[in-house]
Amino acid sequence: MSDPYRPPSAAVPAAPTSGHTLLVVIGVACAALTALVPTLIVPSFRETFRMFGAESPWPTQLLLQGYPALWILPVLVLLLWRVVPWPRSRAKVACAFGVSVLVLGVPACMAALYLPIFALSQTL
């Protein structure tokens, strides 16, 4: 039994950290996969587009020139993990960002790579 005459403690219990590291690792892995896919695929598409000889749409040109910049995404996940102002939600926010980048980024890259092929098929 506690002492009824002692003032209550104002200490806040620490947030559990067991799953937080795993969430950050998942977020970084998803963001790294988002950067890895274009890094492996874009060079082969670049040669294909040169053989077409036609001008590529602007999303394709942006991806062909800027795909190495996608490697900043894992760094952004880690940055979010460190700077989000809500300590209990930092790992969740970082993981959500990494997963959303994967879910939205890879299909967007694939669409940008296939736009010239779709445009060429319409001219035939």
PDB file of N, CA and C in Angstrom:
ATOM      1  N   MET A   1       0.843  -1.176   0.000  1.00  0.00           N
ATOM      2  CA  MET A   1       0.000   0.000   0.000  1.00  0.00           C
ATOM      3  C   MET A   1       0.887   1.237   0.000  1.00  0.00           C
ATOM      4  N   SER A   2       0.507   2.238  -0.779  1.00  0.00           N
ATOM      5  CA  SER A   2       1.302   3.456  -0.878  1.00  0.00           C
ATOM      6  C   SER A   2       0.995   4.399   0.279  1.00  0.00           C
ATOM      7  N   ASP A   3       1.911   5.306   0.504  1.00  0.00           N
ATOM      8  CA  ASP A   3       1.781   6.276   1.582  1.00  0.00           C
ATOM      9  C   ASP A   3       0.785   7.350   1.164  1.00  0.00           C
ATOM     10  N   PRO A   4      -0.350   7.508   1.866  1.00  0.00           N
ATOM     11  CA  PRO A   4      -1.352   8.497   1.460  1.00  0.00           C
ATOM     12  C   PRO A   4      -0.905   9.933   1.721  1.00  0.00           C
ATOM     13  N   TYR A   5       0.159  10.130   2.495  1.00  0.00           N
ATOM     14  CA  TYR A   5       0.610  11.479   2.823  1.00  0.00           C
ATOM     15  C   TYR A   5       1.717  11.977   1.890  1.00  0.00           C
ATOM     16  N   ARG A   6       2.194  11.137   1.008  1.00  0.00           N
ATOM     17  CA  ARG A   6       3.237  11.537   0.070  1.00  0.00           C
ATOM     18  C   ARG A   6       2.570  12.096  -1.188  1.00  0.00           C
ATOM     19  N   PRO A   7       3.083  13.195  -1.729  1.00  0.00           N
ATOM     20  CA  PRO A   7       2.462  13.754  -2.935  1.00  0.00           C
ATOM     21  C   PRO A   7       2.584  12.777  -4.105  1.00  0.00           C
ATOM     22  N   PRO A   8       1.620  12.827  -5.002  1.00  0.00           N
ATOM     23  CA  PRO A   8       1.660  11.899  -6.148  1.00  0.00           C
ATOM     24  C   PRO A   8       2.844  12.207  -7.067  1.00  0.00           C
ATOM     25  N   SER A   9       3.304  11.178  -7.697  1.00  0.00           N
ATOM     26  CA  SER A   9       4.419  11.320  -8.635  1.00  0.00           C
ATOM     27  C   SER A   9       3.890  11.789  -9.981  1.00  0.00           C
ATOM     28  N   ALA A  10       4.611  12.695 -10.605  1.00  0.00           N
ATOM     29  CA  ALA A  10       4.192  13.231 -11.904  1.00  0.00           C
ATOM     30  C   ALA A  10       4.961  12.590 -13.045  1.00  0.00           C
ATOM     31  N   ALA A  11       5.666  11.518 -12.777  1.00  0.00           N
ATOM     32  CA  ALA A  11       6.463  10.866 -13.810  1.00  0.00           C
ATOM     33  C   ALA A  11       5.549  10.163 -14.807  1.00  0.00           C
ATOM     34  N   VAL A  12       5.861  10.349 -16.070  1.00  0.00           N
ATOM     35  CA  VAL A  12       5.123   9.699 -17.144  1.00  0.00           C
ATOM     36  C   VAL A  12       5.883   8.438 -17.523  1.00  0.00           C
ATOM     37  N   PRO A  13       5.197   7.315 -17.597  1.00  0.00           N
ATOM     38  CA  PRO A  13       5.913   6.102 -17.974  1.00  0.00           C
ATOM     39  C   PRO A  13       6.457   6.207 -19.400  1.00  0.00           C
ATOM     40  N   ALA A  14       7.604   5.595 -19.613  1.00  0.00           N
ATOM     41  CA  ALA A  14       8.239   5.642 -20.934  1.00  0.00           C
ATOM     42  C   ALA A  14       7.414   4.859 -21.945  1.00  0.00           C
ATOM     43  N   ALA A  15       7.437   5.326 -23.164  1.00  0.00           N
ATOM     44  CA  ALA A  15       6.710   4.650 -24.235  1.00  0.00           C
ATOM     45  C   ALA A  15       7.418   3.342 -24.573  1.00  0.00           C
ATOM     46  N   PRO A  16       6.670   2.318 -24.869  1.00  0.00           N
ATOM     47  CA  PRO A  16       7.316   1.052 -25.236  1.00  0.00           C
ATOM     48  C   PRO A  16       8.086   1.211 -26.548  1.00  0.00           C
ATOM     49  N   THR A  17       9.260   0.624 -26.617  1.00  0.00           N
ATOM     50  CA  THR A  17      10.102   0.781 -27.800  1.00  0.00           C
ATOM     51  C   THR A  17      10.337  -0.528 -28.531  1.00  0.00           C
ATOM     52  N   SER A  18       9.697  -1.593 -28.122  1.00  0.00           N
ATOM     53  CA  SER A  18       9.985  -2.890 -28.722  1.00  0.00           C
ATOM     54  C   SER A  18       9.641  -2.932 -30.211  1.00  0.00           C
ATOM     55  N   GLY A  19       8.480  -2.429 -30.596  1.00  0.00           N
ATOM     56  CA  GLY A  19       8.085  -2.482 -31.987  1.00  0.00           C
ATOM     57  C   GLY A  19       8.454  -1.245 -32.788  1.00  0.00           C
ATOM     58  N   HIS A  20       8.918  -0.218 -32.104  1.00  0.00           N
ATOM     59  CA  HIS A  20       9.204   1.035 -32.789  1.00  0.00           C
ATOM     60  C   HIS A  20      10.390   0.903 -33.738  1.00  0.00           C
ATOM     61  N   THR A  21      11.411   0.192 -33.326  1.00  0.00           N
ATOM     62  CA  THR A  21      12.568   0.012 -34.198  1.00  0.00           C
ATOM     63  C   THR A  21      12.183  -0.776 -35.443  1.00  0.00           C
ATOM     64  N   LEU A  22      11.358  -1.773 -35.269  1.00  0.00           N
ATOM     65  CA  LEU A  22      10.907  -2.567 -36.414  1.00  0.00           C
ATOM     66  C   LEU A  22      10.119  -1.708 -37.401  1.00  0.00           C
ATOM     67  N   LEU A  23       9.291  -0.805 -36.897  1.00  0.00           N
ATOM     68  CA  LEU A  23       8.532   0.077 -37.789  1.00  0.00           C
ATOM     69  C   LEU A  23       9.453   0.972 -38.608  1.00  0.00           C
ATOM     70  N   VAL A  24      10.499   1.491 -37.976  1.00  0.00           N
ATOM     71  CA  VAL A  24      11.445   2.348 -38.692  1.00  0.00           C
ATOM     72  C   VAL A  24      12.198   1.539 -39.738  1.00  0.00           C
ATOM     73  N   VAL A  25      12.589   0.319 -39.397  1.00  0.00           N
ATOM     74  CA  VAL A  25      13.294  -0.546 -40.356  1.00  0.00           C
ATOM     75  C   VAL A  25      12.383  -0.853 -41.549  1.00  0.00           C
ATOM     76  N   ILE A  26      11.127  -1.109 -41.296  1.00  0.00           N
ATOM     77  CA  ILE A  26      10.177  -1.367 -42.389  1.00  0.00           C
ATOM     78  C   ILE A  26      10.046  -0.130 -43.275  1.00  0.00           C
ATOM     79  N   GLY A  27       9.941   1.038 -42.669  1.00  0.00           N
ATOM     80  CA  GLY A  27       9.833   2.273 -43.448  1.00  0.00           C
ATOM     81  C   GLY A  27      11.059   2.533 -44.302  1.00  0.00           C
ATOM     82  N   VAL A  28      12.249   2.333 -43.728  1.00  0.00           N
ATOM     83  CA  VAL A  28      13.491   2.535 -44.483  1.00  0.00           C
ATOM     84  C   VAL A  28      13.601   1.504 -45.604  1.00  0.00           C
ATOM     85  N   ALA A  29      13.233   0.261 -45.327  1.00  0.00           N
ATOM     86  CA  ALA A  29      13.309  -0.787 -46.348  1.00  0.00           C
ATOM     87  C   ALA A  29      12.362  -0.489 -47.514  1.00  0.00           C
ATOM     88  N   CYS A  30      11.169  -0.030 -47.217  1.00  0.00           N
ATOM     89  CA  CYS A  30      10.213   0.312 -48.284  1.00  0.00           C
ATOM     90  C   CYS A  30      10.724   1.479 -49.124  1.00  0.00           C
ATOM     91  N   ALA A  31      11.275   2.486 -48.464  1.00  0.00           N
ATOM     92  CA  ALA A  31      11.805   3.636 -49.197  1.00  0.00           C
ATOM     93  C   ALA A  31      13.019   3.240 -50.031  1.00  0.00           C
ATOM     94  N   ALA A  32      13.869   2.364 -49.489  1.00  0.00           N
ATOM     95  CA  ALA A  32      15.038   1.901 -50.242  1.00  0.00           C
ATOM     96  C   ALA A  32      14.610   1.064 -51.440  1.00  0.00           C
ATOM     97  N   LEU A  33      13.588   0.254 -51.283  1.00  0.00           N
ATOM     98  CA  LEU A  33      13.077  -0.534 -52.405  1.00  0.00           C
ATOM     99  C   LEU A  33      12.502   0.374 -53.487  1.00  0.00           C
ATOM    100  N   THR A  34      11.868   1.459 -53.076  1.00  0.00           N
ATOM    101  CA  THR A  34      11.339   2.434 -54.026  1.00  0.00           C
ATOM    102  C   THR A  34      12.467   3.066 -54.832  1.00  0.00           C
ATOM    103  N   ALA A  35      13.605   3.297 -54.223  1.00  0.00           N
ATOM    104  CA  ALA A  35      14.752   3.872 -54.940  1.00  0.00           C
ATOM    105  C   ALA A  35      15.485   2.811 -55.754  1.00  0.00           C
ATOM    106  N   LEU A  36      15.481   1.573 -55.277  1.00  0.00           N
ATOM    107  CA  LEU A  36      16.231   0.509 -55.954  1.00  0.00           C
ATOM    108  C   LEU A  36      15.585   0.090 -57.272  1.00  0.00           C
ATOM    109  N   VAL A  37      14.280   0.011 -57.293  1.00  0.00           N
ATOM    110  CA  VAL A  37      13.585  -0.450 -58.505  1.00  0.00           C
ATOM    111  C   VAL A  37      13.914   0.431 -59.714  1.00  0.00           C
ATOM    112  N   PRO A  38      13.775   1.755 -59.636  1.00  0.00           N
ATOM    113  CA  PRO A  38      14.154   2.573 -60.796  1.00  0.00           C
ATOM    114  C   PRO A  38      15.652   2.510 -61.110  1.00  0.00           C
ATOM    115  N   THR A  39      16.475   2.361 -60.082  1.00  0.00           N
ATOM    116  CA  THR A  39      17.913   2.284 -60.321  1.00  0.00           C
ATOM    117  C   THR A  39      18.263   1.060 -61.160  1.00  0.00           C
ATOM    118  N   LEU A  40      17.556  -0.025 -60.974  1.00  0.00           N
ATOM    119  CA  LEU A  40      17.823  -1.234 -61.736  1.00  0.00           C
ATOM    120  C   LEU A  40      17.152  -1.229 -63.104  1.00  0.00           C
ATOM    121  N   ILE A  41      16.013  -0.570 -63.220  1.00  0.00           N
ATOM    122  CA  ILE A  41      15.214  -0.671 -64.445  1.00  0.00           C
ATOM    123  C   ILE A  41      15.459   0.471 -65.425  1.00  0.00           C
ATOM    124  N   VAL A  42      15.647   1.686 -64.933  1.00  0.00           N
ATOM    125  CA  VAL A  42      15.724   2.859 -65.806  1.00  0.00           C
ATOM    126  C   VAL A  42      16.840   2.762 -66.849  1.00  0.00           C
ATOM    127  N   PRO A  43      18.047   2.294 -66.526  1.00  0.00           N
ATOM    128  CA  PRO A  43      19.076   2.241 -67.568  1.00  0.00           C
ATOM    129  C   PRO A  43      18.695   1.388 -68.781  1.00  0.00           C
ATOM    130  N   SER A  44      17.997   0.286 -68.574  1.00  0.00           N
ATOM    131  CA  SER A  44      17.594  -0.534 -69.723  1.00  0.00           C
ATOM    132  C   SER A  44      16.506   0.166 -70.552  1.00  0.00           C
ATOM    133  N   PHE A  45      15.619   0.890 -69.899  1.00  0.00           N
ATOM    134  CA  PHE A  45      14.595   1.629 -70.628  1.00  0.00           C
ATOM    135  C   PHE A  45      15.205   2.799 -71.392  1.00  0.00           C
ATOM    136  N   ARG A  46      16.253   3.384 -70.856  1.00  0.00           N
ATOM    137  CA  ARG A  46      16.903   4.517 -71.518  1.00  0.00           C
ATOM    138  C   ARG A  46      17.378   4.107 -72.913  1.00  0.00           C
ATOM    139  N   GLU A  47      17.980   2.927 -73.022  1.00  0.00           N
ATOM    140  CA  GLU A  47      18.438   2.430 -74.328  1.00  0.00           C
ATOM    141  C   GLU A  47      17.259   2.188 -75.264  1.00  0.00           C
ATOM    142  N   THR A  48      16.171   1.662 -74.727  1.00  0.00           N
ATOM    143  CA  THR A  48      14.987   1.408 -75.548  1.00  0.00           C
ATOM    144  C   THR A  48      14.424   2.721 -76.091  1.00  0.00           C
ATOM    145  N   PHE A  49      14.384   3.749 -75.266  1.00  0.00           N
ATOM    146  CA  PHE A  49      13.848   5.037 -75.703  1.00  0.00           C
ATOM    147  C   PHE A  49      14.743   5.696 -76.743  1.00  0.00           C
ATOM    148  N   ARG A  50      16.037   5.478 -76.649  1.00  0.00           N
ATOM    149  CA  ARG A  50      16.948   6.019 -77.675  1.00  0.00           C
ATOM    150  C   ARG A  50      16.682   5.369 -79.026  1.00  0.00           C
ATOM    151  N   MET A  51      16.378   4.078 -79.017  1.00  0.00           N
ATOM    152  CA  MET A  51      16.094   3.383 -80.278  1.00  0.00           C
ATOM    153  C   MET A  51      14.795   3.871 -80.903  1.00  0.00           C
ATOM    154  N   PHE A  52      13.827   4.307 -80.078  1.00  0.00           N
ATOM    155  CA  PHE A  52      12.575   4.832 -80.616  1.00  0.00           C
ATOM    156  C   PHE A  52      12.823   6.099 -81.406  1.00  0.00           C
ATOM    157  N   GLY A  53      13.704   6.931 -80.922  1.00  0.00           N
ATOM    158  CA  GLY A  53      14.003   8.187 -81.596  1.00  0.00           C
ATOM    159  C   GLY A  53      12.972   9.271 -81.375  1.00  0.00           C
ATOM    160  N   ALA A  54      11.883   8.980 -80.706  1.00  0.00           N
ATOM    161  CA  ALA A  54      10.840   9.983 -80.446  1.00  0.00           C
ATOM    162  C   ALA A  54      11.115  10.691 -79.123  1.00  0.00           C
ATOM    163  N   GLU A  55      10.522  11.865 -78.988  1.00  0.00           N
ATOM    164  CA  GLU A  55      10.677  12.600 -77.741  1.00  0.00           C
ATOM    165  C   GLU A  55       9.780  11.991 -76.664  1.00  0.00           C
ATOM    166  N   SER A  56      10.333  11.841 -75.472  1.00  0.00           N
ATOM    167  CA  SER A  56       9.595  11.242 -74.362  1.00  0.00           C
ATOM    168  C   SER A  56       8.750  12.288 -73.653  1.00  0.00           C
ATOM    169  N   PRO A  57       7.635  11.874 -73.040  1.00  0.00           N
ATOM    170  CA  PRO A  57       6.831  12.808 -72.246  1.00  0.00           C
ATOM    171  C   PRO A  57       7.635  13.321 -71.040  1.00  0.00           C
ATOM    172  N   TRP A  58       7.213  14.436 -70.456  1.00  0.00           N
ATOM    173  CA  TRP A  58       7.988  15.046 -69.376  1.00  0.00           C
ATOM    174  C   TRP A  58       8.115  14.164 -68.138  1.00  0.00           C
ATOM    175  N   PRO A  59       7.094  13.330 -67.739  1.00  0.00           N
ATOM    176  CA  PRO A  59       7.335  12.467 -66.579  1.00  0.00           C
ATOM    177  C   PRO A  59       8.460  11.458 -66.832  1.00  0.00           C
ATOM    178  N   THR A  60       8.538  10.969 -68.064  1.00  0.00           N
ATOM    179  CA  THR A  60       9.588  10.029 -68.409  1.00  0.00           C
ATOM    180  C   THR A  60      10.946  10.712 -68.405  1.00  0.00           C
ATOM    181  N   GLN A  61      11.014  11.902 -68.964  1.00  0.00           N
ATOM    182  CA  GLN A  61      12.284  12.631 -68.965  1.00  0.00           C
ATOM    183  C   GLN A  61      12.734  12.956 -67.546  1.00  0.00           C
ATOM    184  N   LEU A  62      11.802  13.324 -66.698  1.00  0.00           N
ATOM    185  CA  LEU A  62      12.130  13.625 -65.303  1.00  0.00           C
ATOM    186  C   LEU A  62      12.682  12.388 -64.598  1.00  0.00           C
ATOM    187  N   LEU A  63      12.060  11.250 -64.831  1.00  0.00           N
ATOM    188  CA  LEU A  63      12.532  10.017 -64.206  1.00  0.00           C
ATOM    189  C   LEU A  63      13.884   9.589 -64.767  1.00  0.00           C
ATOM    190  N   LEU A  64      14.064   9.708 -66.078  1.00  0.00           N
ATOM    191  CA  LEU A  64      15.337   9.317 -66.676  1.00  0.00           C
ATOM    192  C   LEU A  64      16.495  10.161 -66.173  1.00  0.00           C
ATOM    193  N   GLN A  65      16.243  11.427 -65.898  1.00  0.00           N
ATOM    194  CA  GLN A  65      17.317  12.306 -65.445  1.00  0.00           C
ATOM    195  C   GLN A  65      17.463  12.329 -63.932  1.00  0.00           C
ATOM    196  N   GLY A  66      16.385  12.081 -63.191  1.00  0.00           N
ATOM    197  CA  GLY A  66      16.437  12.291 -61.754  1.00  0.00           C
ATOM    198  C   GLY A  66      16.270  11.069 -60.888  1.00  0.00           C
ATOM    199  N   TYR A  67      16.321   9.869 -61.460  1.00  0.00           N
ATOM    200  CA  TYR A  67      16.085   8.691 -60.627  1.00  0.00           C
ATOM    201  C   TYR A  67      17.111   8.494 -59.516  1.00  0.00           C
ATOM    202  N   PRO A  68      18.385   8.927 -59.643  1.00  0.00           N
ATOM    203  CA  PRO A  68      19.292   8.766 -58.492  1.00  0.00           C
ATOM    204  C   PRO A  68      18.863   9.594 -57.271  1.00  0.00           C
ATOM    205  N   ALA A  69      18.087  10.642 -57.495  1.00  0.00           N
ATOM    206  CA  ALA A  69      17.630  11.466 -56.374  1.00  0.00           C
ATOM    207  C   ALA A  69      16.635  10.726 -55.484  1.00  0.00           C
ATOM    208  N   LEU A  70      16.090   9.624 -55.963  1.00  0.00           N
ATOM    209  CA  LEU A  70      15.153   8.851 -55.144  1.00  0.00           C
ATOM    210  C   LEU A  70      15.836   8.225 -53.928  1.00  0.00           C
ATOM    211  N   TRP A  71      17.167   8.164 -53.935  1.00  0.00           N
ATOM    212  CA  TRP A  71      17.887   7.593 -52.794  1.00  0.00           C
ATOM    213  C   TRP A  71      17.821   8.504 -51.572  1.00  0.00           C
ATOM    214  N   ILE A  72      17.240   9.673 -51.700  1.00  0.00           N
ATOM    215  CA  ILE A  72      17.034  10.534 -50.539  1.00  0.00           C
ATOM    216  C   ILE A  72      15.849  10.040 -49.702  1.00  0.00           C
ATOM    217  N   LEU A  73      14.997   9.206 -50.269  1.00  0.00           N
ATOM    218  CA  LEU A  73      13.797   8.748 -49.565  1.00  0.00           C
ATOM    219  C   LEU A  73      14.097   7.997 -48.265  1.00  0.00           C
ATOM    220  N   PRO A  74      15.043   7.039 -48.227  1.00  0.00           N
ATOM    221  CA  PRO A  74      15.347   6.401 -46.937  1.00  0.00           C
ATOM    222  C   PRO A  74      15.868   7.398 -45.902  1.00  0.00           C
ATOM    223  N   VAL A  75      16.595   8.395 -46.363  1.00  0.00           N
ATOM    224  CA  VAL A  75      17.095   9.424 -45.440  1.00  0.00           C
ATOM    225  C   VAL A  75      15.919  10.233 -44.893  1.00  0.00           C
ATOM    226  N   LEU A  76      14.927  10.505 -45.731  1.00  0.00           N
ATOM    227  CA  LEU A  76      13.752  11.237 -45.268  1.00  0.00           C
ATOM    228  C   LEU A  76      12.969  10.443 -44.223  1.00  0.00           C
ATOM    229  N   VAL A  77      12.915   9.115 -44.393  1.00  0.00           N
ATOM    230  CA  VAL A  77      12.249   8.282 -43.377  1.00  0.00           C
ATOM    231  C   VAL A  77      12.957   8.437 -42.033  1.00  0.00           C
ATOM    232  N   LEU A  78      14.281   8.349 -42.047  1.00  0.00           N
ATOM    233  CA  LEU A  78      15.037   8.506 -40.802  1.00  0.00           C
ATOM    234  C   LEU A  78      14.893   9.910 -40.231  1.00  0.00           C
ATOM    235  N   LEU A  79      14.840  10.899 -41.109  1.00  0.00           N
ATOM    236  CA  LEU A  79      14.666  12.268 -40.658  1.00  0.00           C
ATOM    237  C   LEU A  79      13.299  12.460 -39.997  1.00  0.00           C
ATOM    238  N   LEU A  80      12.272  11.899 -40.602  1.00  0.00           N
ATOM    239  CA  LEU A  80      10.943  11.967 -39.992  1.00  0.00           C
ATOM    240  C   LEU A  80      10.939  11.299 -38.620  1.00  0.00           C
ATOM    241  N   TRP A  81      11.614  10.177 -38.526  1.00  0.00           N
ATOM    242  CA  TRP A  81      11.677   9.447 -37.263  1.00  0.00           C
ATOM    243  C   TRP A  81      12.306  10.296 -36.161  1.00  0.00           C
ATOM    244  N   ARG A  82      13.209  11.171 -36.523  1.00  0.00           N
ATOM    245  CA  ARG A  82      13.899  11.989 -35.523  1.00  0.00           C
ATOM    246  C   ARG A  82      13.201  13.318 -35.238  1.00  0.00           C
ATOM    247  N   VAL A  83      12.461  13.881 -36.176  1.00  0.00           N
ATOM    248  CA  VAL A  83      11.951  15.242 -35.996  1.00  0.00           C
ATOM    249  C   VAL A  83      10.447  15.358 -35.781  1.00  0.00           C
ATOM    250  N   VAL A  84       9.705  14.278 -35.913  1.00  0.00           N
ATOM    251  CA  VAL A  84       8.260  14.367 -35.672  1.00  0.00           C
ATOM    252  C   VAL A  84       8.051  14.774 -34.212  1.00  0.00           C
ATOM    253  N   PRO A  85       7.212  15.768 -33.965  1.00  0.00           N
ATOM    254  CA  PRO A  85       7.093  16.305 -32.608  1.00  0.00           C
ATOM    255  C   PRO A  85       6.369  15.409 -31.605  1.00  0.00           C
ATOM    256  N   TRP A  86       5.743  14.335 -32.049  1.00  0.00           N
ATOM    257  CA  TRP A  86       5.013  13.451 -31.141  1.00  0.00           C
ATOM    258  C   TRP A  86       5.842  12.197 -30.897  1.00  0.00           C
ATOM    259  N   PRO A  87       6.507  12.076 -29.757  1.00  0.00           N
ATOM    260  CA  PRO A  87       7.437  10.961 -29.530  1.00  0.00           C
ATOM    261  C   PRO A  87       6.810   9.582 -29.683  1.00  0.00           C
ATOM    262  N   ARG A  88       5.576   9.424 -29.281  1.00  0.00           N
ATOM    263  CA  ARG A  88       4.955   8.092 -29.376  1.00  0.00           C
ATOM    264  C   ARG A  88       4.564   7.725 -30.797  1.00  0.00           C
ATOM    265  N   SER A  89       4.495   8.700 -31.684  1.00  0.00           N
ATOM    266  CA  SER A  89       4.063   8.440 -33.058  1.00  0.00           C
ATOM    267  C   SER A  89       5.197   8.519 -34.073  1.00  0.00           C
ATOM    268  N   ARG A  90       6.396   8.817 -33.645  1.00  0.00           N
ATOM    269  CA  ARG A  90       7.499   9.007 -34.595  1.00  0.00           C
ATOM    270  C   ARG A  90       7.712   7.794 -35.483  1.00  0.00           C
ATOM    271  N   ALA A  91       7.811   6.632 -34.891  1.00  0.00           N
ATOM    272  CA  ALA A  91       8.076   5.433 -35.678  1.00  0.00           C
ATOM    273  C   ALA A  91       6.914   5.113 -36.611  1.00  0.00           C
ATOM    274  N   LYS A  92       5.696   5.341 -36.151  1.00  0.00           N
ATOM    275  CA  LYS A  92       4.524   5.071 -36.988  1.00  0.00           C
ATOM    276  C   LYS A  92       4.491   6.012 -38.194  1.00  0.00           C
ATOM    277  N   VAL A  93       4.807   7.275 -37.960  1.00  0.00           N
ATOM    278  CA  VAL A  93       4.819   8.253 -39.053  1.00  0.00           C
ATOM    279  C   VAL A  93       5.911   7.901 -40.065  1.00  0.00           C
ATOM    280  N   ALA A  94       7.096   7.534 -39.566  1.00  0.00           N
ATOM    281  CA  ALA A  94       8.196   7.169 -40.464  1.00  0.00           C
ATOM    282  C   ALA A  94       7.845   5.931 -41.274  1.00  0.00           C
ATOM    283  N   CYS A  95       7.244   4.941 -40.628  1.00  0.00           N
ATOM    284  CA  CYS A  95       6.847   3.719 -41.344  1.00  0.00           C
ATOM    285  C   CYS A  95       5.755   4.022 -42.371  1.00  0.00           C
ATOM    286  N   ALA A  96       4.780   4.822 -41.993  1.00  0.00           N
ATOM    287  CA  ALA A  96       3.695   5.168 -42.916  1.00  0.00           C
ATOM    288  C   ALA A  96       4.238   5.916 -44.128  1.00  0.00           C
ATOM    289  N   PHE A  97       5.196   6.799 -43.911  1.00  0.00           N
ATOM    290  CA  PHE A  97       5.797   7.522 -45.033  1.00  0.00           C
ATOM    291  C   PHE A  97       6.529   6.553 -45.960  1.00  0.00           C
ATOM    292  N   GLY A  98       7.333   5.659 -45.400  1.00  0.00           N
ATOM    293  CA  GLY A  98       8.074   4.700 -46.219  1.00  0.00           C
ATOM    294  C   GLY A  98       7.164   3.785 -47.009  1.00  0.00           C
ATOM    295  N   VAL A  99       6.127   3.284 -46.367  1.00  0.00           N
ATOM    296  CA  VAL A  99       5.193   2.384 -47.059  1.00  0.00           C
ATOM    297  C   VAL A  99       4.410   3.143 -48.131  1.00  0.00           C
ATOM    298  N   SER A 100       3.985   4.373 -47.827  1.00  0.00           N
ATOM    299  CA  SER A 100       3.236   5.137 -48.833  1.00  0.00           C
ATOM    300  C   SER A 100       4.111   5.499 -50.027  1.00  0.00           C
ATOM    301  N   VAL A 101       5.393   5.762 -49.777  1.00  0.00           N
ATOM    302  CA  VAL A 101       6.315   6.026 -50.883  1.00  0.00           C
ATOM    303  C   VAL A 101       6.425   4.795 -51.784  1.00  0.00           C
ATOM    304  N   LEU A 102       6.464   3.620 -51.182  1.00  0.00           N
ATOM    305  CA  LEU A 102       6.535   2.391 -51.971  1.00  0.00           C
ATOM    306  C   LEU A 102       5.245   2.171 -52.754  1.00  0.00           C
ATOM    307  N   VAL A 103       4.121   2.321 -52.085  1.00  0.00           N
ATOM    308  CA  VAL A 103       2.822   2.048 -52.719  1.00  0.00           C
ATOM    309  C   VAL A 103       2.527   3.035 -53.849  1.00  0.00           C
ATOM    310  N   LEU A 104       2.940   4.288 -53.676  1.00  0.00           N
ATOM    311  CA  LEU A 104       2.667   5.293 -54.700  1.00  0.00           C
ATOM    312  C   LEU A 104       3.828   5.491 -55.671  1.00  0.00           C
ATOM    313  N   GLY A 105       5.050   5.355 -55.192  1.00  0.00           N
ATOM    314  CA  GLY A 105       6.225   5.675 -55.997  1.00  0.00           C
ATOM    315  C   GLY A 105       6.545   4.673 -57.076  1.00  0.00           C
ATOM    316  N   VAL A 106       6.516   3.392 -56.750  1.00  0.00           N
ATOM    317  CA  VAL A 106       6.868   2.378 -57.756  1.00  0.00           C
ATOM    318  C   VAL A 106       5.863   2.365 -58.907  1.00  0.00           C
ATOM    319  N   PRO A 107       4.548   2.378 -58.639  1.00  0.00           N
ATOM    320  CA  PRO A 107       3.619   2.458 -59.785  1.00  0.00           C
ATOM    321  C   PRO A 107       3.784   3.744 -60.598  1.00  0.00           C
ATOM    322  N   ALA A 108       4.089   4.861 -59.933  1.00  0.00           N
ATOM    323  CA  ALA A 108       4.298   6.112 -60.668  1.00  0.00           C
ATOM    324  C   ALA A 108       5.531   6.006 -61.567  1.00  0.00           C
ATOM    325  N   CYS A 109       6.583   5.380 -61.075  1.00  0.00           N
ATOM    326  CA  CYS A 109       7.787   5.180 -61.897  1.00  0.00           C
ATOM    327  C   CYS A 109       7.491   4.272 -63.084  1.00  0.00           C
ATOM    328  N   MET A 110       6.757   3.210 -62.836  1.00  0.00           N
ATOM    329  CA  MET A 110       6.423   2.299 -63.930  1.00  0.00           C
ATOM    330  C   MET A 110       5.547   2.986 -64.969  1.00  0.00           C
ATOM    331  N   ALA A 111       4.608   3.792 -64.507  1.00  0.00           N
ATOM    332  CA  ALA A 111       3.756   4.526 -65.452  1.00  0.00           C
ATOM    333  C   ALA A 111       4.590   5.506 -66.271  1.00  0.00           C
ATOM    334  N   ALA A 112       5.535   6.193 -65.635  1.00  0.00           N
ATOM    335  CA  ALA A 112       6.382   7.141 -66.367  1.00  0.00           C
ATOM    336  C   ALA A 112       7.254   6.427 -67.391  1.00  0.00           C
ATOM    337  N   LEU A 113       7.681   5.223 -67.079  1.00  0.00           N
ATOM    338  CA  LEU A 113       8.514   4.479 -68.026  1.00  0.00           C
ATOM    339  C   LEU A 113       7.707   3.933 -69.197  1.00  0.00           C
ATOM    340  N   TYR A 114       6.444   3.630 -68.973  1.00  0.00           N
ATOM    341  CA  TYR A 114       5.639   3.068 -70.056  1.00  0.00           C
ATOM    342  C   TYR A 114       4.880   4.117 -70.861  1.00  0.00           C
ATOM    343  N   LEU A 115       4.885   5.367 -70.436  1.00  0.00           N
ATOM    344  CA  LEU A 115       4.195   6.413 -71.202  1.00  0.00           C
ATOM    345  C   LEU A 115       4.670   6.521 -72.648  1.00  0.00           C
ATOM    346  N   PRO A 116       5.978   6.508 -72.928  1.00  0.00           N
ATOM    347  CA  PRO A 116       6.398   6.592 -74.326  1.00  0.00           C
ATOM    348  C   PRO A 116       5.947   5.385 -75.159  1.00  0.00           C
ATOM    349  N   ILE A 117       5.886   4.235 -74.534  1.00  0.00           N
ATOM    350  CA  ILE A 117       5.444   3.043 -75.263  1.00  0.00           C
ATOM    351  C   ILE A 117       3.970   3.178 -75.606  1.00  0.00           C
ATOM    352  N   PHE A 118       3.172   3.667 -74.661  1.00  0.00           N
ATOM    353  CA  PHE A 118       1.746   3.885 -74.948  1.00  0.00           C
ATOM    354  C   PHE A 118       1.554   4.943 -76.031  1.00  0.00           C
ATOM    355  N   ALA A 119       2.345   6.011 -75.960  1.00  0.00           N
ATOM    356  CA  ALA A 119       2.252   7.067 -76.974  1.00  0.00           C
ATOM    357  C   ALA A 119       2.647   6.535 -78.353  1.00  0.00           C
ATOM    358  N   LEU A 120       3.674   5.715 -78.415  1.00  0.00           N
ATOM    359  CA  LEU A 120       4.097   5.154 -79.685  1.00  0.00           C
ATOM    360  C   LEU A 120       3.057   4.197 -80.251  1.00  0.00           C
ATOM    361  N   SER A 121       2.375   3.451 -79.383  1.00  0.00           N
ATOM    362  CA  SER A 121       1.369   2.515 -79.878  1.00  0.00           C
ATOM    363  C   SER A 121       0.170   3.247 -80.468  1.00  0.00           C
ATOM    364  N   GLN A 122      -0.089   4.455 -80.026  1.00  0.00           N
ATOM    365  CA  GLN A 122      -1.209   5.216 -80.582  1.00  0.00           C
ATOM    366  C   GLN A 122      -0.896   5.796 -81.945  1.00  0.00           C
ATOM    367  N   THR A 123       0.373   5.928 -82.267  1.00  0.00           N
ATOM    368  CA  THR A 123       0.727   6.467 -83.579  1.00  0.00           C
ATOM    369  C   THR A 123       0.718   5.391 -84.651  1.00  0.00           C
ATOM    370  N   LEU A 124       0.694   4.140 -84.245  1.00  0.00           N
ATOM    371  CA  LEU A 124       0.694   3.061 -85.226  1.00  0.00           C
ATOM    372  C   LEU A 124      -0.660   2.831 -85.831  1.00  0.00           C
TER     373      LEU A 124
END
